Amino acid sequence: MNVQLYNKTTKTIFLAVLVLAIASIIQPLTNLLGGFQSSVNEVSGAFGGGSSGGFYVVLQWIFNIVVLGSTCLFVWGLFNLKSIVDGPEAQGAVNLVFIAAAVNFLAELLGLFLGGILLGLIGIAVAVLYIIGYSKMKVAPTLPEPAKQGANLLFVGAILQVVAAVIGLIPVIGGILGFLICIAVFVLYIIGWKKVSTPVA
């Protein structure tokens, strides 16, 4: 295994996950504030007043772009990593995670224009692929020990991601509960990929 390439690529993946996690946590809050502002505008407009909610629209699109960009960087990092790690077990495991991330990127793109149950089902499928990929990573004999430890945390995070995706299908309250679980998922992903990106001597 090319140690320098491994260290550089896993560091890139970690940074992508960190940015993605932060943006994904803040993004729903901006959507909520934007919806609240729209409601205020409607009420104010009924009384001859009103103010522009354009700020929140711009903010929402900024976070959409950040999420898409960091997801794309995550996919690109995994694409490179699968050819850097040694052994068919490690390569196969990383490839599964790469496929899941690529499908998730396409789902994020579709999510800009579509919504509903279909995206929820895609989210469940993506999370299941993550579970399989990370479960194989944590036992891949050629991966460094810190990477295996990180993969174990990522595996737990992926299980919670499935739970969040399933609960998210429940109308109204499901979105709130799913978001709260996703915060724990992102924390596990940050810590997990931080361990995976531990420099190899």
N, C-alpha and C. Protein backbone atom coordinates (compact mmCIF):
# COMPACT_ATOMS: atom_id res chain seq x y z
N MET A 1 0.84 -1.20 0.00
CA MET A 1 0.00 0.00 0.00
C MET A 1 0.87 1.24 0.00
N ASN A 2 0.53 2.18 -0.86
CA ASN A 2 1.24 3.46 -0.89
C ASN A 2 0.79 4.28 0.31
N VAL A 3 1.66 4.36 1.31
CA VAL A 3 1.31 5.01 2.59
C VAL A 3 1.00 6.49 2.41
N GLN A 4 1.79 7.18 1.61
CA GLN A 4 1.57 8.61 1.41
C GLN A 4 0.21 8.88 0.77
N LEU A 5 -0.12 8.09 -0.25
CA LEU A 5 -1.42 8.26 -0.91
C LEU A 5 -2.57 7.91 0.04
N TYR A 6 -2.37 6.86 0.84
CA TYR A 6 -3.39 6.46 1.80
C TYR A 6 -3.65 7.59 2.79
N ASN A 7 -2.57 8.15 3.37
CA ASN A 7 -2.71 9.22 4.35
C ASN A 7 -3.39 10.44 3.74
N LYS A 8 -2.98 10.80 2.53
CA LYS A 8 -3.54 11.98 1.86
C LYS A 8 -5.01 11.77 1.51
N THR A 9 -5.34 10.60 1.00
CA THR A 9 -6.72 10.33 0.57
C THR A 9 -7.67 10.23 1.75
N THR A 10 -7.26 9.53 2.80
CA THR A 10 -8.15 9.40 3.98
C THR A 10 -8.34 10.74 4.68
N LYS A 11 -7.32 11.60 4.63
CA LYS A 11 -7.46 12.94 5.21
C LYS A 11 -8.48 13.75 4.42
N THR A 12 -8.45 13.62 3.09
CA THR A 12 -9.42 14.30 2.24
C THR A 12 -10.84 13.81 2.53
N ILE A 13 -10.97 12.49 2.69
CA ILE A 13 -12.28 11.92 3.00
C ILE A 13 -12.79 12.45 4.34
N PHE A 14 -11.90 12.49 5.34
CA PHE A 14 -12.31 12.99 6.65
C PHE A 14 -12.79 14.43 6.58
N LEU A 15 -12.06 15.28 5.85
CA LEU A 15 -12.46 16.68 5.71
C LEU A 15 -13.81 16.80 5.01
N ALA A 16 -14.02 15.95 4.00
CA ALA A 16 -15.31 15.96 3.30
C ALA A 16 -16.44 15.56 4.24
N VAL A 17 -16.22 14.53 5.05
CA VAL A 17 -17.23 14.08 6.00
C VAL A 17 -17.50 15.15 7.06
N LEU A 18 -16.46 15.82 7.52
CA LEU A 18 -16.61 16.87 8.53
C LEU A 18 -17.48 18.01 8.00
N VAL A 19 -17.16 18.49 6.80
CA VAL A 19 -17.94 19.58 6.19
C VAL A 19 -19.36 19.12 5.92
N LEU A 20 -19.50 17.91 5.39
CA LEU A 20 -20.83 17.37 5.08
C LEU A 20 -21.68 17.26 6.34
N ALA A 21 -21.08 16.79 7.43
CA ALA A 21 -21.82 16.63 8.68
C ALA A 21 -22.31 17.97 9.22
N ILE A 22 -21.42 18.95 9.25
CA ILE A 22 -21.78 20.27 9.77
C ILE A 22 -22.87 20.90 8.91
N ALA A 23 -22.69 20.84 7.58
CA ALA A 23 -23.67 21.44 6.67
C ALA A 23 -25.02 20.72 6.75
N SER A 24 -24.99 19.40 6.89
CA SER A 24 -26.23 18.62 6.92
C SER A 24 -27.01 18.85 8.21
N ILE A 25 -26.30 19.20 9.28
CA ILE A 25 -26.98 19.51 10.55
C ILE A 25 -27.59 20.90 10.50
N ILE A 26 -26.87 21.86 9.90
CA ILE A 26 -27.35 23.24 9.84
C ILE A 26 -28.44 23.42 8.78
N GLN A 27 -28.33 22.68 7.67
CA GLN A 27 -29.24 22.84 6.54
C GLN A 27 -30.72 22.75 6.92
N PRO A 28 -31.17 21.73 7.66
CA PRO A 28 -32.59 21.66 8.02
C PRO A 28 -33.04 22.84 8.88
N LEU A 29 -32.11 23.38 9.67
CA LEU A 29 -32.46 24.52 10.52
C LEU A 29 -32.74 25.76 9.67
N THR A 30 -31.94 25.94 8.60
CA THR A 30 -32.19 27.07 7.69
C THR A 30 -33.51 26.87 6.95
N ASN A 31 -33.81 25.62 6.60
CA ASN A 31 -35.09 25.33 5.94
C ASN A 31 -36.26 25.66 6.86
N LEU A 32 -36.08 25.33 8.16
CA LEU A 32 -37.12 25.60 9.15
C LEU A 32 -37.33 27.10 9.32
N LEU A 33 -36.22 27.84 9.42
CA LEU A 33 -36.30 29.30 9.56
C LEU A 33 -36.92 29.93 8.32
N GLY A 34 -36.55 29.38 7.15
CA GLY A 34 -37.11 29.90 5.91
C GLY A 34 -38.61 29.69 5.85
N GLY A 35 -39.08 28.51 6.27
CA GLY A 35 -40.51 28.23 6.30
C GLY A 35 -41.24 29.13 7.28
N PHE A 36 -40.60 29.38 8.44
CA PHE A 36 -41.19 30.28 9.43
C PHE A 36 -41.31 31.69 8.88
N GLN A 37 -40.24 32.13 8.18
CA GLN A 37 -40.24 33.47 7.60
C GLN A 37 -41.34 33.61 6.54
N SER A 38 -41.54 32.56 5.76
CA SER A 38 -42.59 32.58 4.73
C SER A 38 -43.97 32.72 5.37
N SER A 39 -44.17 32.01 6.48
CA SER A 39 -45.45 32.10 7.19
C SER A 39 -45.68 33.50 7.73
N VAL A 40 -44.62 34.10 8.28
CA VAL A 40 -44.72 35.47 8.79
C VAL A 40 -45.05 36.43 7.66
N ASN A 41 -44.41 36.23 6.51
CA ASN A 41 -44.66 37.10 5.35
C ASN A 41 -46.11 37.01 4.88
N GLU A 42 -46.66 35.79 4.90
CA GLU A 42 -48.05 35.62 4.48
C GLU A 42 -49.00 36.35 5.41
N VAL A 43 -48.73 36.23 6.71
CA VAL A 43 -49.58 36.91 7.69
C VAL A 43 -49.44 38.42 7.55
N SER A 44 -48.20 38.89 7.42
CA SER A 44 -47.96 40.33 7.28
C SER A 44 -48.57 40.86 6.00
N GLY A 45 -48.49 40.04 4.92
CA GLY A 45 -49.04 40.47 3.64
C GLY A 45 -50.55 40.64 3.72
N ALA A 46 -51.18 39.83 4.55
CA ALA A 46 -52.63 39.92 4.69
C ALA A 46 -53.04 41.24 5.33
N PHE A 47 -52.11 41.84 6.07
CA PHE A 47 -52.38 43.12 6.73
C PHE A 47 -51.67 44.28 6.04
N GLY A 48 -51.24 44.02 4.81
CA GLY A 48 -50.61 45.09 4.04
C GLY A 48 -49.14 45.28 4.30
N GLY A 49 -48.54 44.41 5.10
CA GLY A 49 -47.11 44.52 5.38
C GLY A 49 -46.35 43.44 4.66
N GLY A 50 -45.28 42.95 5.30
CA GLY A 50 -44.52 41.84 4.71
C GLY A 50 -43.08 42.21 4.50
N SER A 51 -42.24 41.22 4.50
CA SER A 51 -40.82 41.43 4.27
C SER A 51 -40.30 40.29 3.40
N SER A 52 -39.17 40.48 2.85
CA SER A 52 -38.61 39.48 1.93
C SER A 52 -37.99 38.32 2.69
N GLY A 53 -38.24 37.11 2.20
CA GLY A 53 -37.61 35.92 2.77
C GLY A 53 -36.49 35.43 1.90
N GLY A 54 -36.04 36.31 1.00
CA GLY A 54 -35.01 35.93 0.04
C GLY A 54 -33.71 35.50 0.68
N PHE A 55 -33.39 36.05 1.85
CA PHE A 55 -32.14 35.72 2.54
C PHE A 55 -32.08 34.23 2.85
N TYR A 56 -33.18 33.68 3.34
CA TYR A 56 -33.20 32.27 3.71
C TYR A 56 -33.18 31.37 2.47
N VAL A 57 -33.77 31.85 1.38
CA VAL A 57 -33.72 31.08 0.13
C VAL A 57 -32.28 30.96 -0.35
N VAL A 58 -31.56 32.08 -0.32
CA VAL A 58 -30.15 32.07 -0.72
C VAL A 58 -29.34 31.17 0.22
N LEU A 59 -29.61 31.29 1.52
CA LEU A 59 -28.89 30.48 2.52
C LEU A 59 -29.13 29.00 2.29
N GLN A 60 -30.37 28.64 1.99
CA GLN A 60 -30.70 27.24 1.73
C GLN A 60 -29.93 26.70 0.53
N TRP A 61 -29.83 27.50 -0.53
CA TRP A 61 -29.11 27.06 -1.72
C TRP A 61 -27.61 26.97 -1.47
N ILE A 62 -27.10 27.87 -0.63
CA ILE A 62 -25.67 27.80 -0.28
C ILE A 62 -25.37 26.48 0.41
N PHE A 63 -26.21 26.11 1.37
CA PHE A 63 -26.00 24.85 2.09
C PHE A 63 -26.24 23.64 1.19
N ASN A 64 -27.18 23.77 0.25
CA ASN A 64 -27.39 22.70 -0.72
C ASN A 64 -26.12 22.45 -1.53
N ILE A 65 -25.48 23.54 -1.95
CA ILE A 65 -24.26 23.44 -2.75
C ILE A 65 -23.12 22.86 -1.91
N VAL A 66 -23.02 23.29 -0.64
CA VAL A 66 -21.97 22.77 0.25
C VAL A 66 -22.16 21.27 0.47
N VAL A 67 -23.40 20.84 0.70
CA VAL A 67 -23.69 19.42 0.90
C VAL A 67 -23.33 18.62 -0.34
N LEU A 68 -23.74 19.12 -1.50
CA LEU A 68 -23.43 18.42 -2.76
C LEU A 68 -21.92 18.37 -3.01
N GLY A 69 -21.25 19.50 -2.75
CA GLY A 69 -19.81 19.55 -2.98
C GLY A 69 -19.03 18.61 -2.08
N SER A 70 -19.39 18.60 -0.79
CA SER A 70 -18.69 17.73 0.16
C SER A 70 -19.02 16.26 -0.10
N THR A 71 -20.25 15.97 -0.52
CA THR A 71 -20.62 14.60 -0.87
C THR A 71 -19.83 14.13 -2.09
N CYS A 72 -19.68 15.03 -3.07
CA CYS A 72 -18.90 14.71 -4.27
C CYS A 72 -17.44 14.44 -3.91
N LEU A 73 -16.89 15.25 -3.00
CA LEU A 73 -15.51 15.05 -2.55
C LEU A 73 -15.36 13.72 -1.81
N PHE A 74 -16.36 13.36 -1.03
CA PHE A 74 -16.38 12.09 -0.32
C PHE A 74 -16.35 10.92 -1.31
N VAL A 75 -17.19 11.02 -2.34
CA VAL A 75 -17.24 9.99 -3.38
C VAL A 75 -15.89 9.88 -4.10
N TRP A 76 -15.32 11.03 -4.44
CA TRP A 76 -14.04 11.05 -5.15
C TRP A 76 -12.93 10.43 -4.28
N GLY A 77 -12.94 10.74 -3.00
CA GLY A 77 -11.94 10.18 -2.09
C GLY A 77 -12.05 8.67 -2.00
N LEU A 78 -13.29 8.17 -1.90
CA LEU A 78 -13.50 6.71 -1.83
C LEU A 78 -13.10 6.03 -3.14
N PHE A 79 -13.38 6.69 -4.26
CA PHE A 79 -13.00 6.15 -5.56
C PHE A 79 -11.48 5.93 -5.63
N ASN A 80 -10.73 6.89 -5.09
CA ASN A 80 -9.27 6.77 -5.06
C ASN A 80 -8.81 5.74 -4.03
N LEU A 81 -9.48 5.73 -2.87
CA LEU A 81 -9.05 4.86 -1.78
C LEU A 81 -9.16 3.39 -2.14
N LYS A 82 -10.18 3.02 -2.91
CA LYS A 82 -10.39 1.60 -3.22
C LYS A 82 -9.27 1.02 -4.07
N SER A 83 -8.51 1.89 -4.75
CA SER A 83 -7.38 1.40 -5.54
C SER A 83 -6.05 1.55 -4.80
N ILE A 84 -6.11 2.15 -3.60
CA ILE A 84 -4.90 2.35 -2.80
C ILE A 84 -4.70 1.23 -1.78
N VAL A 85 -5.82 0.83 -1.14
CA VAL A 85 -5.71 -0.20 -0.11
C VAL A 85 -5.32 -1.54 -0.72
N ASP A 86 -4.68 -2.37 0.08
CA ASP A 86 -4.22 -3.68 -0.38
C ASP A 86 -5.24 -4.76 -0.06
N GLY A 87 -5.27 -5.80 -0.88
CA GLY A 87 -6.07 -6.98 -0.59
C GLY A 87 -7.48 -6.87 -1.14
N PRO A 88 -8.02 -7.97 -1.66
CA PRO A 88 -9.38 -7.97 -2.22
C PRO A 88 -10.46 -7.68 -1.18
N GLU A 89 -10.23 -8.07 0.08
CA GLU A 89 -11.24 -7.81 1.12
C GLU A 89 -11.40 -6.32 1.36
N ALA A 90 -10.27 -5.63 1.54
CA ALA A 90 -10.30 -4.19 1.79
C ALA A 90 -10.83 -3.44 0.57
N GLN A 91 -10.37 -3.83 -0.61
CA GLN A 91 -10.81 -3.17 -1.83
C GLN A 91 -12.31 -3.35 -2.06
N GLY A 92 -12.79 -4.57 -1.82
CA GLY A 92 -14.22 -4.84 -1.98
C GLY A 92 -15.05 -4.06 -0.99
N ALA A 93 -14.58 -3.95 0.25
CA ALA A 93 -15.30 -3.23 1.29
C ALA A 93 -15.40 -1.74 0.95
N VAL A 94 -14.27 -1.16 0.58
CA VAL A 94 -14.26 0.27 0.23
C VAL A 94 -15.11 0.52 -1.01
N ASN A 95 -15.12 -0.43 -1.94
CA ASN A 95 -15.92 -0.28 -3.15
C ASN A 95 -17.41 -0.22 -2.83
N LEU A 96 -17.85 -1.03 -1.86
CA LEU A 96 -19.26 -0.99 -1.44
C LEU A 96 -19.62 0.36 -0.84
N VAL A 97 -18.71 0.90 -0.02
CA VAL A 97 -18.93 2.22 0.58
C VAL A 97 -18.96 3.28 -0.52
N PHE A 98 -18.07 3.12 -1.51
CA PHE A 98 -18.04 4.05 -2.65
C PHE A 98 -19.37 4.03 -3.41
N ILE A 99 -19.89 2.84 -3.69
CA ILE A 99 -21.16 2.72 -4.41
C ILE A 99 -22.28 3.38 -3.63
N ALA A 100 -22.31 3.14 -2.31
CA ALA A 100 -23.33 3.75 -1.46
C ALA A 100 -23.24 5.28 -1.51
N ALA A 101 -22.01 5.80 -1.43
CA ALA A 101 -21.81 7.25 -1.46
C ALA A 101 -22.21 7.84 -2.81
N ALA A 102 -21.91 7.13 -3.89
CA ALA A 102 -22.26 7.60 -5.23
C ALA A 102 -23.78 7.66 -5.41
N VAL A 103 -24.47 6.62 -4.93
CA VAL A 103 -25.94 6.61 -5.01
C VAL A 103 -26.51 7.73 -4.15
N ASN A 104 -25.90 7.95 -2.98
CA ASN A 104 -26.36 9.01 -2.09
C ASN A 104 -26.19 10.38 -2.75
N PHE A 105 -25.09 10.56 -3.50
CA PHE A 105 -24.87 11.83 -4.21
C PHE A 105 -25.98 12.06 -5.23
N LEU A 106 -26.34 11.02 -5.98
CA LEU A 106 -27.42 11.14 -6.95
C LEU A 106 -28.75 11.46 -6.25
N ALA A 107 -28.95 10.84 -5.08
CA ALA A 107 -30.18 11.10 -4.32
C ALA A 107 -30.21 12.55 -3.84
N GLU A 108 -29.05 13.09 -3.45
CA GLU A 108 -28.98 14.50 -3.03
C GLU A 108 -29.35 15.41 -4.19
N LEU A 109 -28.89 15.07 -5.39
CA LEU A 109 -29.25 15.85 -6.57
C LEU A 109 -30.75 15.81 -6.83
N LEU A 110 -31.32 14.60 -6.77
CA LEU A 110 -32.75 14.45 -6.97
C LEU A 110 -33.54 15.18 -5.88
N GLY A 111 -32.97 15.20 -4.68
CA GLY A 111 -33.64 15.83 -3.56
C GLY A 111 -33.84 17.32 -3.72
N LEU A 112 -33.08 17.94 -4.62
CA LEU A 112 -33.26 19.37 -4.90
C LEU A 112 -34.56 19.63 -5.63
N PHE A 113 -35.07 18.60 -6.31
CA PHE A 113 -36.27 18.78 -7.13
C PHE A 113 -37.41 17.86 -6.74
N LEU A 114 -37.07 16.75 -6.08
CA LEU A 114 -38.10 15.78 -5.72
C LEU A 114 -38.08 15.55 -4.22
N GLY A 115 -39.02 14.76 -3.76
CA GLY A 115 -39.07 14.41 -2.35
C GLY A 115 -39.95 13.18 -2.17
N GLY A 116 -40.34 12.93 -0.94
CA GLY A 116 -41.29 11.87 -0.70
C GLY A 116 -40.69 10.53 -0.39
N ILE A 117 -41.51 9.50 -0.53
CA ILE A 117 -41.17 8.15 -0.10
C ILE A 117 -40.00 7.58 -0.91
N LEU A 118 -39.94 7.89 -2.21
CA LEU A 118 -38.89 7.33 -3.06
C LEU A 118 -37.50 7.67 -2.52
N LEU A 119 -37.29 8.93 -2.18
CA LEU A 119 -35.99 9.33 -1.65
C LEU A 119 -35.73 8.67 -0.29
N GLY A 120 -36.79 8.48 0.48
CA GLY A 120 -36.65 7.79 1.77
C GLY A 120 -36.20 6.35 1.59
N LEU A 121 -36.77 5.68 0.59
CA LEU A 121 -36.38 4.30 0.31
C LEU A 121 -34.95 4.21 -0.21
N ILE A 122 -34.56 5.19 -1.03
CA ILE A 122 -33.17 5.23 -1.51
C ILE A 122 -32.23 5.43 -0.33
N GLY A 123 -32.64 6.29 0.62
CA GLY A 123 -31.83 6.52 1.82
C GLY A 123 -31.62 5.25 2.62
N ILE A 124 -32.66 4.43 2.71
CA ILE A 124 -32.55 3.15 3.43
C ILE A 124 -31.58 2.22 2.71
N ALA A 125 -31.71 2.15 1.39
CA ALA A 125 -30.83 1.29 0.59
C ALA A 125 -29.37 1.71 0.72
N VAL A 126 -29.13 3.02 0.70
CA VAL A 126 -27.77 3.55 0.85
C VAL A 126 -27.20 3.16 2.21
N ALA A 127 -28.01 3.32 3.25
CA ALA A 127 -27.55 3.00 4.60
C ALA A 127 -27.23 1.51 4.75
N VAL A 128 -28.03 0.66 4.11
CA VAL A 128 -27.77 -0.79 4.16
C VAL A 128 -26.44 -1.12 3.48
N LEU A 129 -26.17 -0.46 2.35
CA LEU A 129 -24.88 -0.66 1.67
C LEU A 129 -23.73 -0.20 2.56
N TYR A 130 -23.92 0.91 3.26
CA TYR A 130 -22.90 1.37 4.20
C TYR A 130 -22.65 0.33 5.28
N ILE A 131 -23.72 -0.24 5.81
CA ILE A 131 -23.58 -1.27 6.86
C ILE A 131 -22.72 -2.42 6.35
N ILE A 132 -23.03 -2.90 5.16
CA ILE A 132 -22.29 -4.04 4.60
C ILE A 132 -20.83 -3.65 4.36
N GLY A 133 -20.63 -2.48 3.75
CA GLY A 133 -19.27 -2.03 3.45
C GLY A 133 -18.42 -1.83 4.70
N TYR A 134 -18.98 -1.14 5.68
CA TYR A 134 -18.21 -0.88 6.91
C TYR A 134 -17.99 -2.16 7.72
N SER A 135 -18.96 -3.09 7.67
CA SER A 135 -18.78 -4.36 8.39
C SER A 135 -17.61 -5.15 7.79
N LYS A 136 -17.43 -5.04 6.47
CA LYS A 136 -16.32 -5.72 5.82
C LYS A 136 -15.00 -4.97 6.06
N MET A 137 -15.07 -3.65 6.14
CA MET A 137 -13.85 -2.86 6.41
C MET A 137 -13.27 -3.18 7.77
N LYS A 138 -14.14 -3.37 8.76
CA LYS A 138 -13.64 -3.54 10.13
C LYS A 138 -12.95 -4.89 10.37
N VAL A 139 -13.10 -5.80 9.39
CA VAL A 139 -12.42 -7.10 9.52
C VAL A 139 -11.43 -7.35 8.38
N ALA A 140 -11.26 -6.35 7.51
CA ALA A 140 -10.32 -6.52 6.39
C ALA A 140 -8.90 -6.64 6.94
N PRO A 141 -8.20 -7.75 6.69
CA PRO A 141 -6.90 -8.01 7.32
C PRO A 141 -5.79 -7.04 6.91
N THR A 142 -5.91 -6.41 5.75
CA THR A 142 -4.82 -5.56 5.28
C THR A 142 -4.98 -4.09 5.67
N LEU A 143 -6.11 -3.74 6.26
CA LEU A 143 -6.30 -2.35 6.69
C LEU A 143 -5.56 -2.10 7.99
N PRO A 144 -5.02 -0.88 8.20
CA PRO A 144 -4.37 -0.55 9.46
C PRO A 144 -5.35 -0.69 10.63
N GLU A 145 -4.83 -0.99 11.81
CA GLU A 145 -5.68 -1.21 12.98
C GLU A 145 -6.57 0.00 13.30
N PRO A 146 -6.04 1.25 13.25
CA PRO A 146 -6.92 2.40 13.51
C PRO A 146 -8.07 2.49 12.51
N ALA A 147 -7.82 2.09 11.26
CA ALA A 147 -8.87 2.10 10.25
C ALA A 147 -9.97 1.11 10.59
N LYS A 148 -9.58 -0.06 11.11
CA LYS A 148 -10.57 -1.06 11.52
C LYS A 148 -11.41 -0.55 12.69
N GLN A 149 -10.74 0.11 13.64
CA GLN A 149 -11.47 0.68 14.78
C GLN A 149 -12.44 1.75 14.30
N GLY A 150 -11.99 2.58 13.36
CA GLY A 150 -12.86 3.61 12.80
C GLY A 150 -14.03 3.01 12.05
N ALA A 151 -13.77 1.94 11.31
CA ALA A 151 -14.83 1.27 10.56
C ALA A 151 -15.89 0.69 11.49
N ASN A 152 -15.49 0.28 12.68
CA ASN A 152 -16.45 -0.23 13.66
C ASN A 152 -17.43 0.86 14.08
N LEU A 153 -16.91 2.08 14.30
CA LEU A 153 -17.78 3.22 14.63
C LEU A 153 -18.66 3.59 13.45
N LEU A 154 -18.09 3.53 12.25
CA LEU A 154 -18.86 3.83 11.05
C LEU A 154 -19.98 2.81 10.86
N PHE A 155 -19.71 1.56 11.21
CA PHE A 155 -20.71 0.50 11.13
C PHE A 155 -21.89 0.81 12.04
N VAL A 156 -21.59 1.22 13.27
CA VAL A 156 -22.66 1.58 14.22
C VAL A 156 -23.44 2.79 13.70
N GLY A 157 -22.71 3.76 13.15
CA GLY A 157 -23.36 4.94 12.59
C GLY A 157 -24.28 4.58 11.44
N ALA A 158 -23.87 3.62 10.61
CA ALA A 158 -24.69 3.20 9.47
C ALA A 158 -25.98 2.52 9.94
N ILE A 159 -25.89 1.76 11.02
CA ILE A 159 -27.09 1.11 11.58
C ILE A 159 -28.08 2.19 12.05
N LEU A 160 -27.55 3.20 12.74
CA LEU A 160 -28.41 4.30 13.18
C LEU A 160 -28.98 5.07 11.99
N GLN A 161 -28.20 5.12 10.90
CA GLN A 161 -28.67 5.80 9.70
C GLN A 161 -29.89 5.09 9.11
N VAL A 162 -29.88 3.76 9.15
CA VAL A 162 -31.05 3.00 8.69
C VAL A 162 -32.25 3.32 9.57
N VAL A 163 -32.02 3.34 10.89
CA VAL A 163 -33.11 3.65 11.83
C VAL A 163 -33.68 5.03 11.54
N ALA A 164 -32.79 6.00 11.32
CA ALA A 164 -33.23 7.37 11.04
C ALA A 164 -34.02 7.44 9.73
N ALA A 165 -33.55 6.69 8.71
CA ALA A 165 -34.22 6.70 7.41
C ALA A 165 -35.61 6.08 7.50
N VAL A 166 -35.74 5.00 8.27
CA VAL A 166 -37.04 4.35 8.43
C VAL A 166 -38.00 5.25 9.20
N ILE A 167 -37.51 5.81 10.31
CA ILE A 167 -38.35 6.70 11.11
C ILE A 167 -38.73 7.94 10.32
N GLY A 168 -37.82 8.39 9.46
CA GLY A 168 -38.08 9.58 8.66
C GLY A 168 -39.26 9.43 7.71
N LEU A 169 -39.68 8.20 7.43
CA LEU A 169 -40.84 7.98 6.57
C LEU A 169 -42.16 8.28 7.28
N ILE A 170 -42.12 8.36 8.61
CA ILE A 170 -43.33 8.68 9.38
C ILE A 170 -43.65 10.16 9.19
N PRO A 171 -44.87 10.49 8.81
CA PRO A 171 -45.22 11.90 8.59
C PRO A 171 -45.00 12.78 9.82
N VAL A 172 -44.57 13.99 9.60
CA VAL A 172 -44.38 15.06 10.59
C VAL A 172 -43.32 14.70 11.63
N ILE A 173 -43.70 13.92 12.64
CA ILE A 173 -42.79 13.65 13.76
C ILE A 173 -41.59 12.82 13.33
N GLY A 174 -41.74 12.03 12.27
CA GLY A 174 -40.64 11.19 11.79
C GLY A 174 -39.45 12.02 11.36
N GLY A 175 -39.72 13.15 10.71
CA GLY A 175 -38.64 14.02 10.27
C GLY A 175 -37.84 14.58 11.42
N ILE A 176 -38.52 14.93 12.50
CA ILE A 176 -37.85 15.50 13.68
C ILE A 176 -37.01 14.44 14.37
N LEU A 177 -37.60 13.27 14.62
CA LEU A 177 -36.88 12.19 15.28
C LEU A 177 -35.71 11.71 14.43
N GLY A 178 -35.95 11.61 13.12
CA GLY A 178 -34.88 11.19 12.20
C GLY A 178 -33.72 12.15 12.21
N PHE A 179 -34.01 13.45 12.27
CA PHE A 179 -32.96 14.46 12.31
C PHE A 179 -32.12 14.34 13.58
N LEU A 180 -32.77 14.11 14.71
CA LEU A 180 -32.05 13.97 15.99
C LEU A 180 -31.13 12.75 15.96
N ILE A 181 -31.61 11.65 15.38
CA ILE A 181 -30.76 10.46 15.26
C ILE A 181 -29.61 10.72 14.32
N CYS A 182 -29.88 11.48 13.26
CA CYS A 182 -28.83 11.79 12.27
C CYS A 182 -27.68 12.59 12.89
N ILE A 183 -27.97 13.39 13.90
CA ILE A 183 -26.90 14.12 14.58
C ILE A 183 -25.91 13.13 15.20
N ALA A 184 -26.46 12.08 15.85
CA ALA A 184 -25.60 11.03 16.43
C ALA A 184 -24.84 10.30 15.33
N VAL A 185 -25.51 10.07 14.20
CA VAL A 185 -24.87 9.39 13.06
C VAL A 185 -23.67 10.19 12.58
N PHE A 186 -23.85 11.50 12.41
CA PHE A 186 -22.76 12.35 11.90
C PHE A 186 -21.59 12.41 12.89
N VAL A 187 -21.90 12.41 14.18
CA VAL A 187 -20.84 12.41 15.19
C VAL A 187 -20.01 11.13 15.06
N LEU A 188 -20.69 10.00 14.92
CA LEU A 188 -19.99 8.72 14.76
C LEU A 188 -19.18 8.69 13.47
N TYR A 189 -19.73 9.26 12.41
CA TYR A 189 -19.01 9.29 11.13
C TYR A 189 -17.77 10.17 11.22
N ILE A 190 -17.87 11.29 11.90
CA ILE A 190 -16.72 12.17 12.06
C ILE A 190 -15.60 11.47 12.84
N ILE A 191 -15.97 10.89 13.98
CA ILE A 191 -14.98 10.20 14.82
C ILE A 191 -14.42 8.98 14.08
N GLY A 192 -15.32 8.24 13.41
CA GLY A 192 -14.90 7.04 12.70
C GLY A 192 -13.91 7.34 11.59
N TRP A 193 -14.21 8.31 10.74
CA TRP A 193 -13.30 8.65 9.65
C TRP A 193 -12.04 9.33 10.14
N LYS A 194 -12.13 9.99 11.30
CA LYS A 194 -10.92 10.54 11.91
C LYS A 194 -9.95 9.42 12.26
N LYS A 195 -10.50 8.34 12.80
CA LYS A 195 -9.65 7.18 13.13
C LYS A 195 -9.09 6.52 11.86
N VAL A 196 -9.96 6.40 10.84
CA VAL A 196 -9.50 5.81 9.58
C VAL A 196 -8.36 6.64 8.98
N SER A 197 -8.44 7.96 9.16
CA SER A 197 -7.43 8.85 8.57
C SER A 197 -6.18 9.00 9.44
N THR A 198 -6.09 8.22 10.52
CA THR A 198 -4.88 8.25 11.35
C THR A 198 -3.67 7.93 10.46
N PRO A 199 -2.67 8.82 10.41
CA PRO A 199 -1.53 8.61 9.51
C PRO A 199 -0.83 7.28 9.75
N VAL A 200 -0.53 6.61 8.66
CA VAL A 200 0.21 5.35 8.71
C VAL A 200 1.69 5.64 8.46
N ALA A 201 2.55 5.12 9.32
CA ALA A 201 3.98 5.38 9.19
C ALA A 201 4.57 4.55 8.06
